């Protein structure tokens, strides 16, 4: 959270990942929506999320790239949780 006690804005981060068993040029991809105070933190949080969980996008031996970072997007004040759907 930033110093002014406002919630951190949401970012959209696109990540592509490929493993040793993938064909050349073949990759899996997904978009993540971390809340972060700045672009670099958003990228770091998205990569952490992409590496976590049982069905993570980025495996231990996989290469990956962050191919898109969009934002920041301010929370929507008309919805109770600030969701922008």
C-alpha atoms as a PDB file:
ATOM      1  CA  UNK A   1       0.000   0.000   0.000  1.00  0.00           C
ATOM      2  CA  UNK A   2       1.239   3.499  -0.689  1.00  0.00           C
ATOM      3  CA  UNK A   3       1.966   6.098   1.967  1.00  0.00           C
ATOM      4  CA  UNK A   4      -1.319   7.981   1.552  1.00  0.00           C
ATOM      5  CA  UNK A   5      -3.221   4.896   2.837  1.00  0.00           C
ATOM      6  CA  UNK A   6      -5.113   4.544  -0.434  1.00  0.00           C
ATOM      7  CA  UNK A   7      -5.238   1.029  -1.846  1.00  0.00           C
ATOM      8  CA  UNK A   8      -2.573   0.278  -4.429  1.00  0.00           C
ATOM      9  CA  UNK A   9      -3.895   0.410  -8.000  1.00  0.00           C
ATOM     10  CA  UNK A  10      -4.461  -2.695 -10.078  1.00  0.00           C
ATOM     11  CA  UNK A  11      -2.160  -3.576 -12.988  1.00  0.00           C
ATOM     12  CA  UNK A  12      -2.563  -6.088 -15.802  1.00  0.00           C
ATOM     13  CA  UNK A  13       0.578  -8.144 -16.404  1.00  0.00           C
ATOM     14  CA  UNK A  14       0.928 -10.649 -19.244  1.00  0.00           C
ATOM     15  CA  UNK A  15       3.421 -13.499 -18.798  1.00  0.00           C
ATOM     16  CA  UNK A  16       4.563 -16.125 -21.309  1.00  0.00           C
ATOM     17  CA  UNK A  17       6.266 -19.335 -20.089  1.00  0.00           C
ATOM     18  CA  UNK A  18       7.901 -22.273 -21.857  1.00  0.00           C
ATOM     19  CA  UNK A  19       9.547 -25.444 -20.652  1.00  0.00           C
ATOM     20  CA  UNK A  20      12.161 -27.917 -21.859  1.00  0.00           C
ATOM     21  CA  UNK A  21       9.455 -30.171 -23.367  1.00  0.00           C
ATOM     22  CA  UNK A  22       7.812 -27.397 -25.407  1.00  0.00           C
ATOM     23  CA  UNK A  23       8.387 -27.109 -29.145  1.00  0.00           C
ATOM     24  CA  UNK A  24      10.364 -24.052 -30.315  1.00  0.00           C
ATOM     25  CA  UNK A  25       8.064 -21.033 -30.318  1.00  0.00           C
ATOM     26  CA  UNK A  26       5.460 -22.828 -28.177  1.00  0.00           C
ATOM     27  CA  UNK A  27       4.490 -21.107 -24.925  1.00  0.00           C
ATOM     28  CA  UNK A  28       1.765 -20.918 -22.319  1.00  0.00           C
ATOM     29  CA  UNK A  29       0.505 -17.488 -21.308  1.00  0.00           C
ATOM     30  CA  UNK A  30      -1.797 -15.838 -18.811  1.00  0.00           C
ATOM     31  CA  UNK A  31      -2.674 -12.399 -17.469  1.00  0.00           C
ATOM     32  CA  UNK A  32      -2.380 -11.496 -13.793  1.00  0.00           C
ATOM     33  CA  UNK A  33      -3.938  -8.552 -11.952  1.00  0.00           C
ATOM     34  CA  UNK A  34      -1.789  -7.619  -8.939  1.00  0.00           C
ATOM     35  CA  UNK A  35      -2.301  -4.511  -6.849  1.00  0.00           C
ATOM     36  CA  UNK A  36       0.973  -2.619  -6.592  1.00  0.00           C
ATOM     37  CA  UNK A  37       2.273   0.919  -6.064  1.00  0.00           C
ATOM     38  CA  UNK A  38       4.392   0.896  -9.264  1.00  0.00           C
ATOM     39  CA  UNK A  39       5.122  -0.988 -12.492  1.00  0.00           C
ATOM     40  CA  UNK A  40       8.192  -2.892 -11.249  1.00  0.00           C
ATOM     41  CA  UNK A  41       6.404  -4.122  -8.119  1.00  0.00           C
ATOM     42  CA  UNK A  42       3.430  -5.185 -10.253  1.00  0.00           C
ATOM     43  CA  UNK A  43       5.754  -7.263 -12.471  1.00  0.00           C
ATOM     44  CA  UNK A  44       7.407  -8.872  -9.422  1.00  0.00           C
ATOM     45  CA  UNK A  45       4.055  -9.735  -7.828  1.00  0.00           C
ATOM     46  CA  UNK A  46       2.694 -11.177 -11.070  1.00  0.00           C
ATOM     47  CA  UNK A  47       5.774 -13.398 -11.493  1.00  0.00           C
ATOM     48  CA  UNK A  48       5.446 -14.579  -7.866  1.00  0.00           C
ATOM     49  CA  UNK A  49       1.790 -15.449  -8.503  1.00  0.00           C
ATOM     50  CA  UNK A  50       2.669 -17.212 -11.783  1.00  0.00           C
ATOM     51  CA  UNK A  51       5.215 -19.386  -9.931  1.00  0.00           C
ATOM     52  CA  UNK A  52       2.938 -20.311  -7.015  1.00  0.00           C
ATOM     53  CA  UNK A  53       0.305 -22.975  -6.653  1.00  0.00           C
ATOM     54  CA  UNK A  54      -0.153 -26.533  -7.816  1.00  0.00           C
ATOM     55  CA  UNK A  55      -0.934 -25.536 -11.425  1.00  0.00           C
ATOM     56  CA  UNK A  56       1.502 -22.637 -11.730  1.00  0.00           C
ATOM     57  CA  UNK A  57       2.170 -21.046 -15.107  1.00  0.00           C
ATOM     58  CA  UNK A  58       5.939 -20.956 -14.543  1.00  0.00           C
ATOM     59  CA  UNK A  59       7.503 -24.280 -13.563  1.00  0.00           C
ATOM     60  CA  UNK A  60      10.874 -24.720 -11.861  1.00  0.00           C
ATOM     61  CA  UNK A  61      12.719 -25.389 -15.135  1.00  0.00           C
ATOM     62  CA  UNK A  62      10.674 -23.033 -17.315  1.00  0.00           C
ATOM     63  CA  UNK A  63      11.833 -19.880 -19.002  1.00  0.00           C
ATOM     64  CA  UNK A  64       9.457 -16.927 -18.993  1.00  0.00           C
ATOM     65  CA  UNK A  65       9.018 -13.346 -20.081  1.00  0.00           C
ATOM     66  CA  UNK A  66       6.785 -10.505 -18.993  1.00  0.00           C
ATOM     67  CA  UNK A  67       5.403  -9.322 -22.328  1.00  0.00           C
ATOM     68  CA  UNK A  68       2.835  -6.763 -21.210  1.00  0.00           C
ATOM     69  CA  UNK A  69       2.270  -4.377 -18.319  1.00  0.00           C
ATOM     70  CA  UNK A  70      -0.798  -2.138 -18.450  1.00  0.00           C
ATOM     71  CA  UNK A  71      -2.028   0.278 -15.836  1.00  0.00           C
ATOM     72  CA  UNK A  72      -2.303   1.496 -13.263  1.00  0.00           C
ATOM     73  CA  UNK A  73      -6.066   1.180 -13.036  1.00  0.00           C
ATOM     74  CA  UNK A  74      -7.746   2.870 -10.085  1.00  0.00           C
ATOM     75  CA  UNK A  75     -10.364   0.868  -8.136  1.00  0.00           C
ATOM     76  CA  UNK A  76     -13.943   1.429  -9.278  1.00  0.00           C
ATOM     77  CA  UNK A  77     -15.701   3.329  -6.451  1.00  0.00           C
ATOM     78  CA  UNK A  78     -19.146   2.122  -7.606  1.00  0.00           C
ATOM     79  CA  UNK A  79     -18.484  -1.497  -6.618  1.00  0.00           C
ATOM     80  CA  UNK A  80     -18.102  -2.609  -2.998  1.00  0.00           C
ATOM     81  CA  UNK A  81     -14.681  -4.246  -3.460  1.00  0.00           C
ATOM     82  CA  UNK A  82     -13.367  -1.897  -6.155  1.00  0.00           C
ATOM     83  CA  UNK A  83     -13.525  -4.628  -8.804  1.00  0.00           C
ATOM     84  CA  UNK A  84     -13.485  -3.352 -12.370  1.00  0.00           C
ATOM     85  CA  UNK A  85     -15.615  -6.087 -13.921  1.00  0.00           C
END
